[in-house]
Amino acid sequence: MASSMRVVFFLGLIYAALISVVVASEEAATLSIDVGKIPTTNTNDGTAIDQAVGYLLMLLALVLTYLIH
């Protein structure tokens, strides 16, 4: 049981590190936006959100598979 908790803790640390990198890069991109180049139409087609949900579900499946075995 202790080894599975170590793995979950380690995966949580990796997840936290990745999230902090993404947030930092988004903040840097937000600070460097040129107002004249902002598109007037919505260019977000939702694929990035779908991909993030897919990755989170795969991570959840990996953790659950490890804990069950």
C-alpha atoms as a PDB file:
ATOM      1  CA  MET A   1       0.000   0.000   0.000  1.00  0.00           C
ATOM      2  CA  ALA A   2       2.845   2.363   0.800  1.00  0.00           C
ATOM      3  CA  SER A   3       4.409   1.878  -2.622  1.00  0.00           C
ATOM      4  CA  SER A   4       1.139   2.706  -4.383  1.00  0.00           C
ATOM      5  CA  MET A   5       0.838   5.883  -2.345  1.00  0.00           C
ATOM      6  CA  ARG A   6       4.378   6.804  -3.368  1.00  0.00           C
ATOM      7  CA  VAL A   7       3.467   6.372  -7.020  1.00  0.00           C
ATOM      8  CA  VAL A   8       0.330   8.476  -6.644  1.00  0.00           C
ATOM      9  CA  PHE A   9       2.343  11.139  -4.831  1.00  0.00           C
ATOM     10  CA  PHE A  10       5.017  11.069  -7.558  1.00  0.00           C
ATOM     11  CA  LEU A  11       2.406  11.372 -10.313  1.00  0.00           C
ATOM     12  CA  GLY A  12       0.838  14.272  -8.426  1.00  0.00           C
ATOM     13  CA  LEU A  13       4.192  16.044  -8.293  1.00  0.00           C
ATOM     14  CA  ILE A  14       4.686  15.563 -12.028  1.00  0.00           C
ATOM     15  CA  TYR A  15       1.174  16.860 -12.694  1.00  0.00           C
ATOM     16  CA  ALA A  16       1.756  19.915 -10.480  1.00  0.00           C
ATOM     17  CA  ALA A  17       5.043  20.671 -12.241  1.00  0.00           C
ATOM     18  CA  LEU A  18       3.425  20.445 -15.669  1.00  0.00           C
ATOM     19  CA  ILE A  19       0.530  22.661 -14.633  1.00  0.00           C
ATOM     20  CA  SER A  20       2.894  25.304 -13.249  1.00  0.00           C
ATOM     21  CA  VAL A  21       4.843  25.360 -16.528  1.00  0.00           C
ATOM     22  CA  VAL A  22       1.648  25.738 -18.556  1.00  0.00           C
ATOM     23  CA  VAL A  23       0.321  28.524 -16.341  1.00  0.00           C
ATOM     24  CA  ALA A  24       3.645  30.371 -16.471  1.00  0.00           C
ATOM     25  CA  SER A  25       3.779  30.167 -20.267  1.00  0.00           C
ATOM     26  CA  GLU A  26       0.170  31.369 -20.557  1.00  0.00           C
ATOM     27  CA  GLU A  27       0.902  34.340 -18.302  1.00  0.00           C
ATOM     28  CA  ALA A  28       3.982  35.218 -20.351  1.00  0.00           C
ATOM     29  CA  ALA A  29       1.958  34.973 -23.561  1.00  0.00           C
ATOM     30  CA  THR A  30      -0.768  37.162 -22.077  1.00  0.00           C
ATOM     31  CA  LEU A  31       1.723  39.866 -21.184  1.00  0.00           C
ATOM     32  CA  SER A  32       3.171  39.988 -24.702  1.00  0.00           C
ATOM     33  CA  ILE A  33      -0.081  40.308 -26.702  1.00  0.00           C
ATOM     34  CA  ASP A  34      -0.138  43.004 -29.368  1.00  0.00           C
ATOM     35  CA  VAL A  35      -3.613  44.541 -29.277  1.00  0.00           C
ATOM     36  CA  GLY A  36      -3.598  45.227 -33.022  1.00  0.00           C
ATOM     37  CA  LYS A  37      -3.218  41.530 -33.855  1.00  0.00           C
ATOM     38  CA  ILE A  38      -6.132  40.173 -31.811  1.00  0.00           C
ATOM     39  CA  PRO A  39      -8.575  38.367 -34.124  1.00  0.00           C
ATOM     40  CA  THR A  40     -12.176  39.481 -33.964  1.00  0.00           C
ATOM     41  CA  THR A  41     -13.606  35.989 -34.505  1.00  0.00           C
ATOM     42  CA  ASN A  42     -13.435  33.077 -32.105  1.00  0.00           C
ATOM     43  CA  THR A  43     -10.611  30.806 -33.291  1.00  0.00           C
ATOM     44  CA  ASN A  44     -10.957  28.272 -30.475  1.00  0.00           C
ATOM     45  CA  ASP A  45     -12.505  25.120 -31.888  1.00  0.00           C
ATOM     46  CA  GLY A  46     -12.292  23.193 -28.626  1.00  0.00           C
ATOM     47  CA  THR A  47      -9.631  20.703 -29.698  1.00  0.00           C
ATOM     48  CA  ALA A  48      -7.203  21.787 -26.973  1.00  0.00           C
ATOM     49  CA  ILE A  49      -9.879  21.281 -24.334  1.00  0.00           C
ATOM     50  CA  ASP A  50     -10.749  17.867 -25.766  1.00  0.00           C
ATOM     51  CA  GLN A  51      -7.085  16.888 -25.750  1.00  0.00           C
ATOM     52  CA  ALA A  52      -6.660  17.988 -22.125  1.00  0.00           C
ATOM     53  CA  VAL A  53      -9.707  15.974 -21.070  1.00  0.00           C
ATOM     54  CA  GLY A  54      -8.319  12.967 -22.926  1.00  0.00           C
ATOM     55  CA  TYR A  55      -4.956  13.234 -21.184  1.00  0.00           C
ATOM     56  CA  LEU A  56      -6.598  13.551 -17.774  1.00  0.00           C
ATOM     57  CA  LEU A  57      -8.752  10.499 -18.417  1.00  0.00           C
ATOM     58  CA  MET A  58      -5.707   8.497 -19.532  1.00  0.00           C
ATOM     59  CA  LEU A  59      -3.847   9.539 -16.377  1.00  0.00           C
ATOM     60  CA  LEU A  60      -6.810   8.506 -14.249  1.00  0.00           C
ATOM     61  CA  ALA A  61      -6.981   5.140 -16.029  1.00  0.00           C
ATOM     62  CA  LEU A  62      -3.255   4.615 -15.472  1.00  0.00           C
ATOM     63  CA  VAL A  63      -3.511   5.357 -11.754  1.00  0.00           C
ATOM     64  CA  LEU A  64      -6.598   3.181 -11.316  1.00  0.00           C
ATOM     65  CA  THR A  65      -4.990   0.313 -13.223  1.00  0.00           C
ATOM     66  CA  TYR A  66      -1.901   0.526 -11.049  1.00  0.00           C
ATOM     67  CA  LEU A  67      -3.932   0.610  -7.834  1.00  0.00           C
ATOM     68  CA  ILE A  68      -6.135  -2.329  -8.850  1.00  0.00           C
ATOM     69  CA  HIS A  69      -3.200  -4.566  -9.764  1.00  0.00           C
END
